[in-house]
N, C-alpha and C. Protein backbone atom coordinates (compact mmCIF):
# COMPACT_ATOMS: atom_id res chain seq x y z
N MET A 1 -45.76 68.97 -5.93
CA MET A 1 -45.94 67.65 -5.10
C MET A 1 -47.05 66.99 -5.44
N PRO A 2 -48.03 67.71 -5.56
CA PRO A 2 -49.52 66.82 -6.24
C PRO A 2 -49.05 66.04 -7.52
N ALA A 3 -48.34 66.57 -8.67
CA ALA A 3 -48.18 66.12 -9.90
C ALA A 3 -47.14 64.76 -9.41
N GLU A 4 -46.55 64.79 -8.45
CA GLU A 4 -45.45 63.73 -8.15
C GLU A 4 -46.34 62.78 -7.71
N LYS A 5 -47.15 63.18 -6.74
CA LYS A 5 -48.15 61.94 -6.23
C LYS A 5 -48.93 61.50 -7.13
N THR A 6 -49.62 62.28 -8.15
CA THR A 6 -50.46 61.43 -9.51
C THR A 6 -49.65 60.66 -10.16
N ILE A 7 -48.25 61.09 -10.36
CA ILE A 7 -47.46 60.14 -11.01
C ILE A 7 -47.30 59.05 -10.44
N ASP A 8 -46.99 59.00 -9.18
CA ASP A 8 -46.91 57.83 -8.40
C ASP A 8 -48.03 56.91 -8.33
N MET A 9 -48.84 57.52 -8.33
CA MET A 9 -50.11 56.68 -7.97
C MET A 9 -50.69 56.15 -9.50
N ALA A 10 -50.31 56.52 -10.27
CA ALA A 10 -50.53 56.11 -11.85
C ALA A 10 -49.55 55.13 -11.99
N ILE A 11 -48.40 55.32 -11.30
CA ILE A 11 -47.17 53.94 -11.72
C ILE A 11 -47.66 52.91 -11.08
N SER A 12 -48.25 53.01 -9.66
CA SER A 12 -48.88 52.01 -8.93
C SER A 12 -50.01 51.26 -9.44
N GLU A 13 -50.71 52.19 -10.03
CA GLU A 13 -51.78 51.61 -10.86
C GLU A 13 -51.46 50.92 -11.97
N LEU A 14 -50.73 51.44 -12.78
CA LEU A 14 -49.85 50.92 -13.83
C LEU A 14 -49.38 49.22 -13.38
N LYS A 15 -48.58 49.03 -12.26
CA LYS A 15 -47.94 47.94 -11.75
C LYS A 15 -49.09 47.16 -11.17
N ALA A 16 -50.03 47.63 -10.49
CA ALA A 16 -51.16 46.87 -10.30
C ALA A 16 -51.92 46.06 -11.42
N ALA A 17 -52.05 46.84 -12.34
CA ALA A 17 -52.66 46.62 -13.84
C ALA A 17 -51.90 45.30 -14.43
N ILE A 18 -50.55 45.38 -14.27
CA ILE A 18 -49.87 44.92 -14.77
C ILE A 18 -49.77 43.54 -14.41
N GLY A 19 -49.74 43.34 -13.36
CA GLY A 19 -49.63 42.16 -12.00
C GLY A 19 -50.78 41.68 -12.34
N GLY A 20 -52.26 42.22 -12.66
CA GLY A 20 -53.28 41.76 -12.88
C GLY A 20 -53.11 40.72 -14.27
N LEU A 21 -53.00 41.78 -15.30
CA LEU A 21 -52.63 41.12 -16.14
C LEU A 21 -51.66 39.70 -16.27
N GLU A 22 -50.53 39.52 -15.63
CA GLU A 22 -49.77 38.37 -15.50
C GLU A 22 -50.53 37.57 -14.66
N SER A 23 -51.08 37.66 -13.98
CA SER A 23 -51.92 36.56 -13.35
C SER A 23 -52.89 36.10 -14.32
N ALA A 24 -53.40 37.06 -15.00
CA ALA A 24 -54.48 36.40 -15.81
C ALA A 24 -53.76 35.79 -16.90
N ILE A 25 -52.72 36.06 -17.62
CA ILE A 25 -52.20 35.36 -18.55
C ILE A 25 -51.64 33.93 -17.72
N ASP A 26 -51.32 33.79 -16.61
CA ASP A 26 -50.83 32.73 -15.80
C ASP A 26 -51.57 31.72 -15.98
N ALA A 27 -53.03 32.31 -15.31
CA ALA A 27 -54.20 31.32 -15.38
C ALA A 27 -54.82 30.68 -16.53
N ARG A 28 -54.65 31.62 -17.74
CA ARG A 28 -54.92 31.18 -19.02
C ARG A 28 -53.89 29.96 -19.74
N ILE A 29 -52.74 30.14 -19.25
CA ILE A 29 -51.43 29.13 -19.73
C ILE A 29 -51.92 28.08 -18.91
N GLU A 30 -52.25 27.94 -17.56
CA GLU A 30 -52.76 26.83 -17.06
C GLU A 30 -53.86 26.10 -17.39
N ARG A 31 -55.22 26.84 -17.63
CA ARG A 31 -56.10 26.23 -18.40
C ARG A 31 -55.82 25.48 -19.60
N GLN A 32 -55.02 26.32 -20.39
CA GLN A 32 -54.93 25.68 -21.76
C GLN A 32 -54.01 24.25 -21.57
N ARG A 33 -53.13 24.41 -20.76
CA ARG A 33 -52.09 23.06 -20.47
C ARG A 33 -53.26 21.86 -19.79
N GLU A 34 -54.01 22.22 -18.85
CA GLU A 34 -55.02 21.32 -18.39
C GLU A 34 -55.80 20.68 -19.54
N GLY A 35 -56.17 21.77 -20.40
CA GLY A 35 -57.25 20.96 -21.64
C GLY A 35 -56.53 20.32 -22.36
N GLN A 36 -55.09 20.80 -22.75
CA GLN A 36 -54.41 19.56 -23.20
C GLN A 36 -54.25 18.46 -22.80
N GLU A 37 -54.12 18.43 -21.77
CA GLU A 37 -53.80 16.98 -20.77
C GLU A 37 -55.26 16.24 -20.89
N VAL A 38 -56.26 16.83 -20.82
CA VAL A 38 -57.59 16.17 -20.89
C VAL A 38 -57.82 15.75 -22.53
N GLU A 39 -57.47 16.57 -23.25
CA GLU A 39 -57.57 16.21 -24.55
C GLU A 39 -56.55 15.02 -24.89
N GLY A 40 -55.61 14.88 -24.38
CA GLY A 40 -54.77 13.75 -24.56
C GLY A 40 -55.01 12.52 -23.95
N GLU A 41 -55.70 12.81 -22.74
CA GLU A 41 -56.42 11.56 -22.25
C GLU A 41 -57.44 10.96 -23.05
N VAL A 42 -58.19 12.23 -23.33
CA VAL A 42 -59.38 11.34 -23.73
C VAL A 42 -59.14 10.68 -25.53
N ARG A 43 -57.91 11.01 -26.32
CA ARG A 43 -57.41 10.29 -27.46
C ARG A 43 -56.95 9.11 -26.83
N ARG A 44 -56.06 8.84 -25.58
CA ARG A 44 -55.63 7.64 -25.22
C ARG A 44 -56.91 6.96 -24.72
N VAL A 45 -57.84 7.34 -24.04
CA VAL A 45 -59.31 6.47 -23.95
C VAL A 45 -59.90 5.96 -25.18
N HIS A 46 -59.94 6.90 -26.33
CA HIS A 46 -60.43 6.44 -27.70
C HIS A 46 -59.46 5.11 -28.20
N ALA A 47 -58.41 5.53 -28.11
CA ALA A 47 -57.33 4.38 -28.84
C ALA A 47 -57.62 3.32 -27.66
N ASP A 48 -57.86 3.11 -26.58
CA ASP A 48 -58.15 2.06 -26.30
C ASP A 48 -59.07 1.33 -26.13
N ARG A 49 -60.41 2.23 -26.42
CA ARG A 49 -61.58 1.53 -26.66
C ARG A 49 -61.61 0.80 -28.26
N ALA A 50 -61.04 1.52 -28.93
CA ALA A 50 -60.86 0.73 -30.39
C ALA A 50 -60.17 -0.21 -30.36
N ARG A 51 -58.84 -0.26 -29.61
CA ARG A 51 -58.19 -1.48 -29.24
C ARG A 51 -58.85 -2.83 -28.96
N LEU A 52 -59.73 -2.66 -27.24
CA LEU A 52 -60.52 -3.20 -26.82
C LEU A 52 -61.98 -3.85 -27.74
N ALA A 53 -62.17 -2.76 -28.54
CA ALA A 53 -63.10 -3.32 -29.25
C ALA A 53 -62.70 -4.30 -30.29
N GLN A 54 -61.66 -4.25 -30.98
CA GLN A 54 -60.77 -5.09 -31.99
C GLN A 54 -60.70 -6.25 -31.08
N GLU A 55 -60.24 -6.46 -30.38
CA GLU A 55 -59.65 -7.59 -29.41
C GLU A 55 -61.33 -8.35 -29.12
N LEU A 56 -62.39 -7.62 -28.57
CA LEU A 56 -63.53 -8.21 -28.44
C LEU A 56 -64.03 -9.10 -29.58
N ASP A 57 -64.04 -8.45 -30.67
CA ASP A 57 -64.27 -8.86 -32.49
C ASP A 57 -63.64 -9.86 -32.48
N GLU A 58 -61.99 -10.27 -32.56
CA GLU A 58 -61.28 -11.16 -32.73
C GLU A 58 -61.51 -12.36 -31.63
N SER A 59 -61.92 -12.01 -30.40
CA SER A 59 -62.31 -13.00 -29.59
C SER A 59 -63.63 -13.44 -29.90
N GLN A 60 -64.58 -12.77 -30.53
CA GLN A 60 -65.72 -13.25 -30.52
C GLN A 60 -65.75 -14.21 -32.09
N PHE A 61 -64.95 -13.85 -32.76
CA PHE A 61 -64.67 -14.61 -34.11
C PHE A 61 -64.39 -15.65 -33.52
N ARG A 62 -63.12 -16.15 -33.11
CA ARG A 62 -62.51 -17.40 -32.82
C ARG A 62 -63.61 -17.88 -31.67
N ALA A 63 -64.63 -17.53 -30.81
CA ALA A 63 -65.20 -18.19 -29.89
C ALA A 63 -66.50 -18.82 -30.96
N ASN A 64 -66.81 -18.26 -31.63
CA ASN A 64 -67.75 -18.98 -33.15
C ASN A 64 -66.82 -19.84 -34.10
N ARG A 65 -65.66 -19.66 -34.12
CA ARG A 65 -65.07 -20.59 -34.98
C ARG A 65 -64.75 -21.81 -33.81
N LEU A 66 -64.92 -21.72 -32.60
CA LEU A 66 -64.52 -22.80 -31.86
C LEU A 66 -65.95 -23.57 -31.31
N GLU A 67 -67.06 -22.51 -31.31
CA GLU A 67 -68.35 -23.79 -31.53
C GLU A 67 -68.70 -24.43 -32.52
N GLU A 68 -68.37 -23.49 -34.01
CA GLU A 68 -68.59 -24.48 -35.24
C GLU A 68 -67.54 -26.01 -35.25
N VAL A 69 -66.35 -25.77 -34.81
CA VAL A 69 -65.70 -27.07 -34.58
C VAL A 69 -66.16 -28.05 -33.67
N ASN A 70 -66.50 -27.55 -32.68
CA ASN A 70 -67.54 -28.36 -31.46
C ASN A 70 -68.56 -29.04 -32.08
N ARG A 71 -69.40 -28.48 -32.72
CA ARG A 71 -70.51 -28.95 -33.32
C ARG A 71 -70.07 -29.99 -34.27
N GLU A 72 -68.94 -29.87 -35.11
CA GLU A 72 -68.48 -30.63 -36.14
C GLU A 72 -67.87 -32.17 -35.62
N VAL A 73 -67.24 -32.04 -34.05
CA VAL A 73 -66.75 -33.09 -33.61
C VAL A 73 -67.74 -33.56 -32.74
N SER A 74 -68.68 -32.93 -32.40
CA SER A 74 -69.73 -33.88 -31.88
C SER A 74 -70.56 -34.16 -32.89
N ARG A 75 -70.63 -34.19 -33.95
CA ARG A 75 -71.07 -34.77 -35.14
C ARG A 75 -70.77 -35.84 -35.56
N ARG A 76 -69.56 -35.98 -35.61
CA ARG A 76 -68.51 -36.85 -35.86
C ARG A 76 -68.69 -37.96 -34.88
N LEU A 77 -68.43 -37.66 -33.50
CA LEU A 77 -68.60 -38.99 -32.56
C LEU A 77 -69.82 -39.34 -32.55
N VAL A 78 -71.00 -38.64 -32.94
CA VAL A 78 -72.27 -39.44 -32.81
C VAL A 78 -72.20 -40.63 -33.82
N THR A 79 -71.50 -40.02 -34.85
CA THR A 79 -71.41 -40.88 -36.32
C THR A 79 -70.53 -42.21 -35.77
N ALA A 80 -69.56 -41.91 -35.30
CA ALA A 80 -68.65 -42.94 -35.02
C ALA A 80 -69.12 -43.83 -34.20
N MET A 81 -69.70 -43.25 -33.00
CA MET A 81 -70.59 -44.28 -31.98
C MET A 81 -71.46 -44.87 -32.80
N GLU A 82 -72.38 -44.50 -33.41
CA GLU A 82 -73.57 -45.22 -34.20
C GLU A 82 -72.81 -46.40 -35.09
N THR A 83 -71.63 -46.13 -35.73
CA THR A 83 -70.82 -47.06 -36.43
C THR A 83 -70.50 -48.42 -35.86
N ILE A 84 -70.33 -47.86 -34.36
CA ILE A 84 -69.53 -49.05 -33.77
C ILE A 84 -70.58 -49.56 -33.02
N ARG A 85 -71.72 -49.08 -32.52
CA ARG A 85 -72.94 -49.71 -32.14
C ARG A 85 -73.42 -50.66 -33.52
N ALA A 86 -73.41 -50.12 -34.63
CA ALA A 86 -73.95 -50.88 -35.62
C ALA A 86 -73.06 -52.56 -35.80
N VAL A 87 -71.77 -51.96 -35.65
CA VAL A 87 -70.61 -53.30 -35.54
C VAL A 87 -71.03 -53.93 -34.80
N LEU A 88 -71.05 -53.73 -33.79
CA LEU A 88 -71.45 -54.48 -32.31
C LEU A 88 -72.69 -55.32 -32.51
N ASP A 89 -73.58 -54.76 -33.34
CA ASP A 89 -74.72 -55.25 -33.11
C ASP A 89 -75.09 -56.40 -34.06
N ARG A 90 -74.17 -56.78 -35.10
CA ARG A 90 -74.07 -57.74 -35.97
C ARG A 90 -73.75 -58.98 -35.66
């Protein structure tokens, strides 16, 4: 009987070890899955940042262009007003 108890104990220890190994594997797989989700989120954030940076650059370009056009329009209005004043003063 002592050999039978030793075998039963060894089988129990083996089952416990296998259970622990399965738990460790499950935990590892879950950490990898979470890591992949984080990596995906980081890629999405970088893509959003790049898109927003490009949109900001385009908006800044349009704002600069509008500012230039506004200065030109103002200059022409001043010229037109001076011309009208000169004609009226004659």
